[in-house]
Protein backbone atom coordinates (compact mmCIF):
# COMPACT_ATOMS: atom_id res chain seq x y z
CA SER A 1 -0.08 0.03 -0.32
CA LYS A 2 1.33 3.61 -0.83
CA ARG A 3 -0.67 5.33 1.70
CA THR A 4 1.23 6.15 4.68
CA TYR A 5 1.44 4.85 8.09
CA THR A 6 -0.43 7.64 9.52
CA GLU A 7 -3.13 7.52 6.90
CA ARG A 8 -3.63 3.48 7.73
CA PHE A 9 -3.70 4.45 11.16
CA MET A 10 -6.49 7.85 11.28
CA PRO A 11 -9.66 7.01 12.37
CA ARG A 12 -11.93 6.92 9.09
CA ARG A 13 -14.99 8.86 9.19
CA ARG A 14 -18.42 7.17 10.31
CA GLY A 15 -21.76 9.54 9.46
CA PRO A 16 -21.10 12.60 11.68
CA GLY A 17 -19.04 11.62 14.09
CA LEU A 18 -15.11 9.94 13.95
CA GLU A 19 -14.88 6.03 14.31
CA SER A 20 -12.32 7.24 17.38
CA ASP A 21 -15.40 8.74 19.08
CA LEU A 22 -17.89 6.08 19.05
CA ASP A 23 -14.45 3.76 19.98
CA GLN A 24 -14.18 5.80 23.30
CA LYS A 25 -17.71 5.10 24.02
CA VAL A 26 -16.71 1.33 23.87
CA MET A 27 -14.06 1.69 25.75
CA ALA A 28 -15.79 3.75 28.68
CA GLY A 29 -18.62 1.23 28.79
CA GLU A 30 -16.56 -1.87 29.09
CA ALA A 31 -14.57 -0.06 31.96
CA LEU A 32 -17.77 0.42 33.83
CA GLU A 33 -19.20 -3.20 33.22
CA ARG A 34 -16.08 -4.45 34.69
CA ARG A 35 -16.46 -2.02 37.85
CA ASN A 36 -18.37 -3.71 40.79
CA ILE A 37 -16.77 -2.45 43.97
CA TRP A 38 -16.43 1.35 43.48
CA GLN A 39 -15.93 3.22 46.33
CA PRO A 40 -17.18 6.83 45.42
CA SER A 41 -14.71 9.60 47.33
CA VAL A 42 -14.77 13.87 46.66
CA TYR A 43 -12.55 13.61 43.52
CA TYR A 44 -12.57 10.22 41.91
CA ALA A 45 -14.00 6.50 42.68
CA LEU A 46 -11.23 3.89 43.63
CA GLY A 47 -11.86 0.28 43.06
CA LYS A 48 -9.88 -2.92 43.97
CA GLU A 49 -9.33 -6.05 42.57
CA SER A 50 -7.82 -9.27 44.24
CA PHE A 51 -6.20 -12.24 42.11
CA TYR A 52 -3.95 -15.26 43.37
CA ILE A 53 -0.96 -15.56 40.94
CA ALA A 54 2.34 -16.66 41.13
CA GLY A 55 1.92 -18.37 44.35
CA HIS A 56 0.90 -15.01 45.95
CA ASP A 57 -2.49 -13.19 46.79
CA ILE A 58 -2.07 -9.95 44.65
CA SER A 59 -4.45 -6.57 45.46
CA ILE A 60 -4.76 -3.71 42.76
CA ARG A 61 -5.70 -0.48 43.14
CA GLU A 62 -7.34 1.14 40.46
CA SER A 63 -8.95 4.53 39.48
CA MET A 64 -11.88 5.95 36.87
CA ASP A 65 -9.79 8.90 36.23
CA THR A 66 -7.75 7.32 33.28
CA TYR A 67 -7.98 3.77 31.01
CA GLY A 68 -4.03 3.87 32.40
CA ALA A 69 -5.44 2.88 35.61
CA LEU A 70 -7.97 0.04 35.15
CA ILE A 71 -6.82 -3.70 34.60
CA TRP A 72 -7.78 -4.88 31.42
CA PRO A 73 -8.41 -8.41 30.25
CA GLY A 74 -5.01 -8.53 28.10
CA ALA A 75 -3.16 -7.91 31.60
CA ILE A 76 -4.61 -10.80 33.51
CA ALA A 77 -3.89 -12.99 30.21
CA LEU A 78 -0.83 -12.10 29.73
CA SER A 79 0.14 -12.59 33.81
CA GLN A 80 -1.58 -16.03 33.68
CA PHE A 81 0.39 -17.02 30.50
CA LEU A 82 3.56 -16.13 32.32
CA GLU A 83 2.43 -18.23 35.57
CA ASN A 84 1.67 -21.24 33.30
CA ASN A 85 4.37 -21.16 31.08
CA GLN A 86 7.61 -20.80 33.15
CA GLN A 87 9.32 -23.55 31.23
CA HIS A 88 9.14 -21.53 27.87
CA VAL A 89 9.04 -17.97 29.29
CA ASN A 90 11.93 -18.25 32.48
CA LEU A 91 11.61 -14.47 34.04
CA MET A 92 13.95 -15.85 36.81
CA ASP A 93 17.09 -13.20 36.67
CA LYS A 94 15.85 -11.71 33.49
CA SER A 95 15.53 -8.04 32.91
CA VAL A 96 12.10 -7.07 32.24
CA LEU A 97 10.67 -3.74 30.90
CA GLU A 98 6.83 -3.23 30.79
CA ILE A 99 5.15 -0.66 28.78
CA GLY A 100 1.94 1.34 29.49
CA ALA A 101 2.04 -0.75 32.59
CA GLY A 102 -1.10 0.93 34.12
CA THR A 103 -1.88 -0.62 37.59
CA GLY A 104 1.20 -2.80 37.58
CA LEU A 105 -0.41 -5.94 37.46
CA LEU A 106 1.85 -7.77 35.33
CA SER A 107 5.06 -6.15 36.31
CA ILE A 108 4.22 -7.61 39.85
CA VAL A 109 3.79 -11.13 38.40
CA ALA A 110 7.36 -10.59 36.62
CA SER A 111 8.70 -9.56 39.73
CA LEU A 112 7.26 -12.52 41.65
CA LEU A 113 8.64 -14.89 39.00
CA GLY A 114 12.19 -13.17 39.40
CA ALA A 115 12.31 -10.84 37.13
CA TRP A 116 14.30 -7.19 37.59
CA VAL A 117 11.28 -5.23 36.47
CA THR A 118 11.11 -1.76 35.17
CA ALA A 119 7.58 -0.82 34.88
CA THR A 120 6.61 2.37 32.77
CA ASP A 121 3.84 4.76 31.72
CA LEU A 122 2.65 8.20 31.87
CA PRO A 123 3.60 10.61 34.83
CA ASP A 124 0.05 10.59 36.07
CA ILE A 125 0.13 7.12 36.34
CA LEU A 126 3.12 6.33 38.05
CA SER A 127 1.67 7.51 41.83
CA ASN A 128 -0.98 4.44 41.82
CA LEU A 129 1.54 1.98 39.50
CA THR A 130 4.26 2.62 42.53
CA PHE A 131 1.91 1.98 45.50
CA ASN A 132 0.75 -0.92 43.66
CA LEU A 133 3.72 -2.67 42.92
CA LEU A 134 5.75 -1.74 46.31
CA ARG A 135 2.51 -3.17 48.06
CA ASN A 136 2.60 -6.39 46.34
CA THR A 137 6.50 -6.96 45.89
CA LYS A 138 7.82 -6.07 48.76
CA GLY A 139 9.37 -8.79 50.75
CA ARG A 140 8.32 -11.41 48.24
CA SER A 141 10.35 -10.50 45.30
CA ARG A 142 13.80 -11.44 44.32
CA TYR A 143 14.38 -7.33 42.68
CA THR A 144 12.65 -4.66 43.75
CA PRO A 145 11.04 -3.30 40.68
CA GLN A 146 11.45 0.48 39.54
CA VAL A 147 9.40 2.56 38.18
CA ALA A 148 9.70 5.01 35.19
CA ALA A 149 8.18 7.61 33.42
CA LEU A 150 7.64 6.98 29.39
CA THR A 151 5.61 8.88 27.16
CA TRP A 152 5.55 6.74 23.70
CA ALA A 153 8.11 7.92 21.29
CA GLN A 154 9.60 10.66 23.60
CA ASN A 155 12.88 10.95 24.46
CA LEU A 156 13.53 7.66 23.93
CA LYS A 157 17.42 7.75 23.25
CA ARG A 158 17.66 10.58 25.98
CA ASP A 159 16.04 8.45 28.64
CA PHE A 160 16.98 4.78 27.38
CA PRO A 161 19.82 5.29 26.06
CA TYR A 162 21.20 1.74 26.05
CA PRO A 163 18.03 -0.90 25.64
CA SER A 164 19.01 -4.24 26.78
CA TYR A 165 16.17 -5.71 28.07
CA ASP A 166 15.65 -9.83 28.11
CA TYR A 167 11.56 -9.30 27.45
CA VAL A 168 9.17 -6.00 26.95
CA LEU A 169 6.05 -6.74 28.04
CA ALA A 170 2.89 -4.92 26.75
CA ALA A 171 -0.66 -5.85 27.36
CA ASP A 172 -3.60 -3.78 26.29
CA VAL A 173 -2.09 -0.95 24.97
CA VAL A 174 -3.79 -0.55 21.47
CA TYR A 175 -6.89 1.14 22.38
CA PRO A 176 -8.30 4.43 20.87
CA HIS A 177 -5.76 7.37 22.30
CA GLY A 178 -4.34 8.18 18.64
CA SER A 179 -0.73 7.53 19.27
CA LEU A 180 -0.47 4.19 17.63
CA GLU A 181 2.48 5.23 15.34
CA GLU A 182 4.67 6.18 18.72
CA LEU A 183 3.65 3.21 20.47
CA LEU A 184 5.19 0.97 17.50
CA GLU A 185 7.91 3.20 17.37
CA THR A 186 8.68 2.72 21.19
CA MET A 187 8.22 -0.98 20.53
CA ARG A 188 11.23 -0.81 17.92
CA HIS A 189 13.24 1.12 20.21
CA PHE A 190 13.51 -1.49 23.23
CA CYS A 191 13.69 -4.42 20.92
CA GLN A 192 16.45 -3.55 18.06
CA PRO A 193 17.89 -5.58 15.53
CA GLY A 194 20.74 -7.86 16.92
CA SER A 195 19.14 -7.47 20.43
CA GLN A 196 18.27 -10.75 22.24
CA THR A 197 15.08 -8.75 23.23
CA THR A 198 11.66 -10.84 23.03
CA VAL A 199 8.43 -8.74 22.87
CA LEU A 200 5.64 -10.14 24.73
CA TRP A 201 2.41 -8.59 23.90
CA ALA A 202 -1.08 -9.52 24.69
CA ASN A 203 -4.27 -7.58 23.23
CA LYS A 204 -8.14 -7.82 22.93
CA ILE A 205 -9.47 -7.24 19.89
CA ARG A 206 -12.27 -4.83 20.08
CA PHE A 207 -11.86 -2.46 16.44
CA GLN A 208 -10.34 -2.24 13.12
CA SER A 209 -7.19 -0.26 14.69
CA ASP A 210 -6.49 -3.50 17.24
CA LEU A 211 -6.27 -5.22 13.50
CA ARG A 212 -4.43 -2.21 11.59
CA PHE A 213 -1.97 -2.31 14.05
CA THR A 214 -1.45 -6.23 14.34
CA GLU A 215 -0.17 -5.83 10.79
CA CYS A 216 2.19 -3.09 11.08
CA PHE A 217 3.19 -5.17 14.68
CA LYS A 218 3.81 -8.06 12.12
CA SER A 219 5.61 -6.40 9.43
CA SER A 220 8.26 -4.66 11.83
CA PHE A 221 8.79 -7.92 13.90
CA ASN A 222 9.02 -11.49 13.56
CA THR A 223 6.19 -12.81 15.07
CA THR A 224 4.58 -15.98 16.45
CA LEU A 225 0.82 -16.27 17.84
CA LEU A 226 1.55 -17.91 21.28
CA ILE A 227 -2.22 -18.44 22.37
CA GLU A 228 -5.82 -17.04 21.56
CA LEU A 229 -8.61 -16.82 24.07
CA PRO A 230 -11.76 -16.60 21.94
CA GLN A 231 -13.70 -16.00 24.92
CA GLN A 232 -12.09 -13.30 26.06
CA GLU A 233 -11.04 -12.11 22.68
CA VAL A 234 -7.47 -12.01 23.83
CA ARG A 235 -4.22 -12.97 21.29
CA ILE A 236 -0.58 -13.28 23.10
CA TYR A 237 2.02 -12.66 20.63
CA LYS A 238 5.84 -13.05 21.11
CA ALA A 239 8.26 -10.98 18.38
CA THR A 240 11.74 -10.31 17.90
CA ALA A 241 13.13 -7.68 15.34
CA LYS A 242 13.63 -8.46 11.97
CA GLU A 243 17.52 -8.35 11.01
């Protein structure tokens, strides 16, 4: 195709509005449907979800303020995959970076499985992310997980000049945020040709943008579909950089 990358990712008009506007409403609706223990406060609502993964009870504090402060199906699916497939993906003493870490569930699980983890997200997400990480890994994990601000495609060479991670984790990072090109650029930065880095990406298929991004992801990386969960509409991919 001769269309530019941006043209392929830009939402097409659907009637008087934009496809992305409808997608935003779908995401908001999905978020509300998943909430069942919200406790209102003066400024925002907080919720708590509990899991038993990697031999530990994990308690996650969520916020309705932003998509990044909610637990999405891809994070749960990839967390369970890592727990159940340690013979194939051994995180013990491995360096792991998570992009779009959100509430931190996936980074917590990686830490409990023995990895040295750096969890990244937007600056306004980091407070809740740090809270969840420390709350669930203190005294339990081999290494203390680190937290770092990362805005996709911004200051990558300055802030992460020598990326040398064994694994890059990403879960449900493809949604109507308008930064898909930046997301792919960020993935490429952390998984460069000649590196030993493996990307593990879990995503729930919701919109056409998911499928378009997947096509571009496959064109940038050697990609293997590890597992498909039809009930959750989640796919988990493993990828390495093309030489």
